[in-house]
Amino acid sequence: MSKEIHLGTQAKRILEDEIFTDAVKKIEERLNQEWLASPLRDTEAREKIFLMRKMLESLINEITSVMETGKLANKTLTDIQETKIFN
């Protein structure tokens, strides 16, 4: 359980890190611009851009999941400790 808490703390730090958040914003903006600038007939390029956007979203979702698991593990540990104190 302590590993999940530790990983959750690291994930939170990553998600709140200014360099990471700025990089994600820049990548999202670049992909949006590339998509808007792509010729209507170039479906292959737009599909690649779509896949890159989905992969970025998947990365963020995975880190968020690790953070949430850590929060849940921390709450569970706190609840167990409180139960031991009151029993």
C-alpha atoms as a PDB file:
ATOM      1  CA  MET A   1       0.000   0.000   0.000  1.00  0.00           C
ATOM      2  CA  SER A   2       2.861   2.401   0.712  1.00  0.00           C
ATOM      3  CA  LYS A   3       4.127   1.880  -2.852  1.00  0.00           C
ATOM      4  CA  GLU A   4       0.766   3.059  -4.237  1.00  0.00           C
ATOM      5  CA  ILE A   5       0.845   6.086  -1.954  1.00  0.00           C
ATOM      6  CA  HIS A   6       4.388   6.925  -3.049  1.00  0.00           C
ATOM      7  CA  LEU A   7       3.562   6.494  -6.748  1.00  0.00           C
ATOM      8  CA  GLY A   8       0.379   8.529  -6.307  1.00  0.00           C
ATOM      9  CA  THR A   9       2.371  11.373  -4.775  1.00  0.00           C
ATOM     10  CA  GLN A  10       4.841  11.269  -7.656  1.00  0.00           C
ATOM     11  CA  ALA A  11       2.008  11.226 -10.192  1.00  0.00           C
ATOM     12  CA  LYS A  12       0.395  14.258  -8.532  1.00  0.00           C
ATOM     13  CA  ARG A  13       3.725  16.060  -8.646  1.00  0.00           C
ATOM     14  CA  ILE A  14       4.055  15.305 -12.363  1.00  0.00           C
ATOM     15  CA  LEU A  15       0.520  16.438 -13.183  1.00  0.00           C
ATOM     16  CA  GLU A  16       1.050  19.695 -11.299  1.00  0.00           C
ATOM     17  CA  ASP A  17       4.579  20.316 -12.608  1.00  0.00           C
ATOM     18  CA  GLU A  18       4.748  23.523 -14.634  1.00  0.00           C
ATOM     19  CA  ILE A  19       7.124  22.075 -17.220  1.00  0.00           C
ATOM     20  CA  PHE A  20       4.842  19.064 -17.766  1.00  0.00           C
ATOM     21  CA  THR A  21       1.627  21.101 -17.959  1.00  0.00           C
ATOM     22  CA  ASP A  22       3.221  23.617 -20.334  1.00  0.00           C
ATOM     23  CA  ALA A  23       4.528  20.811 -22.541  1.00  0.00           C
ATOM     24  CA  VAL A  24       1.096  19.170 -22.678  1.00  0.00           C
ATOM     25  CA  LYS A  25      -0.546  22.494 -23.602  1.00  0.00           C
ATOM     26  CA  LYS A  26       2.016  23.155 -26.318  1.00  0.00           C
ATOM     27  CA  ILE A  27       1.622  19.683 -27.774  1.00  0.00           C
ATOM     28  CA  GLU A  28      -2.179  19.999 -27.721  1.00  0.00           C
ATOM     29  CA  GLU A  29      -1.994  23.409 -29.408  1.00  0.00           C
ATOM     30  CA  ARG A  30       0.464  22.145 -32.020  1.00  0.00           C
ATOM     31  CA  LEU A  31      -1.681  19.130 -32.812  1.00  0.00           C
ATOM     32  CA  ASN A  32      -4.795  21.296 -33.058  1.00  0.00           C
ATOM     33  CA  GLN A  33      -3.006  23.689 -35.415  1.00  0.00           C
ATOM     34  CA  GLU A  34      -1.717  20.817 -37.541  1.00  0.00           C
ATOM     35  CA  TRP A  35      -5.211  19.358 -37.712  1.00  0.00           C
ATOM     36  CA  LEU A  36      -6.757  22.692 -38.697  1.00  0.00           C
ATOM     37  CA  ALA A  37      -4.072  23.292 -41.311  1.00  0.00           C
ATOM     38  CA  SER A  38      -4.300  19.816 -42.826  1.00  0.00           C
ATOM     39  CA  PRO A  39      -5.843  19.605 -46.286  1.00  0.00           C
ATOM     40  CA  LEU A  40      -9.358  18.187 -46.371  1.00  0.00           C
ATOM     41  CA  ARG A  41      -8.227  15.313 -48.588  1.00  0.00           C
ATOM     42  CA  ASP A  42      -5.367  14.303 -46.273  1.00  0.00           C
ATOM     43  CA  THR A  43      -7.283  11.883 -44.081  1.00  0.00           C
ATOM     44  CA  GLU A  44      -4.136   9.895 -43.302  1.00  0.00           C
ATOM     45  CA  ALA A  45      -2.436  12.932 -41.730  1.00  0.00           C
ATOM     46  CA  ARG A  46      -5.562  13.822 -39.750  1.00  0.00           C
ATOM     47  CA  GLU A  47      -5.849  10.244 -38.503  1.00  0.00           C
ATOM     48  CA  LYS A  48      -2.226  10.362 -37.318  1.00  0.00           C
ATOM     49  CA  ILE A  49      -2.918  13.644 -35.526  1.00  0.00           C
ATOM     50  CA  PHE A  50      -6.013  12.097 -33.952  1.00  0.00           C
ATOM     51  CA  LEU A  51      -3.958   9.121 -32.751  1.00  0.00           C
ATOM     52  CA  MET A  52      -1.309  11.432 -31.272  1.00  0.00           C
ATOM     53  CA  ARG A  53      -4.015  13.364 -29.424  1.00  0.00           C
ATOM     54  CA  LYS A  54      -5.483  10.110 -28.111  1.00  0.00           C
ATOM     55  CA  MET A  55      -2.047   8.906 -26.966  1.00  0.00           C
ATOM     56  CA  LEU A  56      -1.430  12.179 -25.116  1.00  0.00           C
ATOM     57  CA  GLU A  57      -4.842  11.826 -23.484  1.00  0.00           C
ATOM     58  CA  SER A  58      -4.044   8.213 -22.613  1.00  0.00           C
ATOM     59  CA  LEU A  59      -0.766   9.251 -20.972  1.00  0.00           C
ATOM     60  CA  ILE A  60      -2.480  11.884 -18.855  1.00  0.00           C
ATOM     61  CA  ASN A  61      -5.257   9.447 -17.921  1.00  0.00           C
ATOM     62  CA  GLU A  62      -2.718   6.831 -16.837  1.00  0.00           C
ATOM     63  CA  ILE A  63      -0.829   9.292 -14.630  1.00  0.00           C
ATOM     64  CA  THR A  64      -4.141  10.525 -13.203  1.00  0.00           C
ATOM     65  CA  SER A  65      -5.157   6.937 -12.455  1.00  0.00           C
ATOM     66  CA  VAL A  66      -1.907   6.352 -10.547  1.00  0.00           C
ATOM     67  CA  MET A  67      -2.537   9.540  -8.572  1.00  0.00           C
ATOM     68  CA  GLU A  68      -6.110   8.506  -7.733  1.00  0.00           C
ATOM     69  CA  THR A  69      -4.976   5.017  -6.691  1.00  0.00           C
ATOM     70  CA  GLY A  70      -2.458   6.654  -4.365  1.00  0.00           C
ATOM     71  CA  LYS A  71      -5.148   8.865  -2.851  1.00  0.00           C
ATOM     72  CA  LEU A  72      -7.376   5.848  -2.283  1.00  0.00           C
ATOM     73  CA  ALA A  73      -4.515   3.862  -0.728  1.00  0.00           C
ATOM     74  CA  ASN A  74      -3.714   6.799   1.553  1.00  0.00           C
ATOM     75  CA  LYS A  75      -7.350   7.074   2.648  1.00  0.00           C
ATOM     76  CA  THR A  76      -7.542   3.331   3.261  1.00  0.00           C
ATOM     77  CA  LEU A  77      -4.379   3.421   5.351  1.00  0.00           C
ATOM     78  CA  THR A  78      -5.688   6.402   7.321  1.00  0.00           C
ATOM     79  CA  ASP A  79      -9.000   4.613   7.937  1.00  0.00           C
ATOM     80  CA  ILE A  80      -7.179   1.489   9.143  1.00  0.00           C
ATOM     81  CA  GLN A  81      -5.001   3.546  11.501  1.00  0.00           C
ATOM     82  CA  GLU A  82      -8.025   5.405  12.861  1.00  0.00           C
ATOM     83  CA  THR A  83      -9.858   2.129  13.424  1.00  0.00           C
ATOM     84  CA  LYS A  84      -6.887   0.774  15.396  1.00  0.00           C
ATOM     85  CA  ILE A  85      -6.819   3.920  17.552  1.00  0.00           C
ATOM     86  CA  PHE A  86     -10.506   3.699  18.412  1.00  0.00           C
ATOM     87  CA  ASN A  87     -10.550  -0.043  19.055  1.00  0.00           C
END
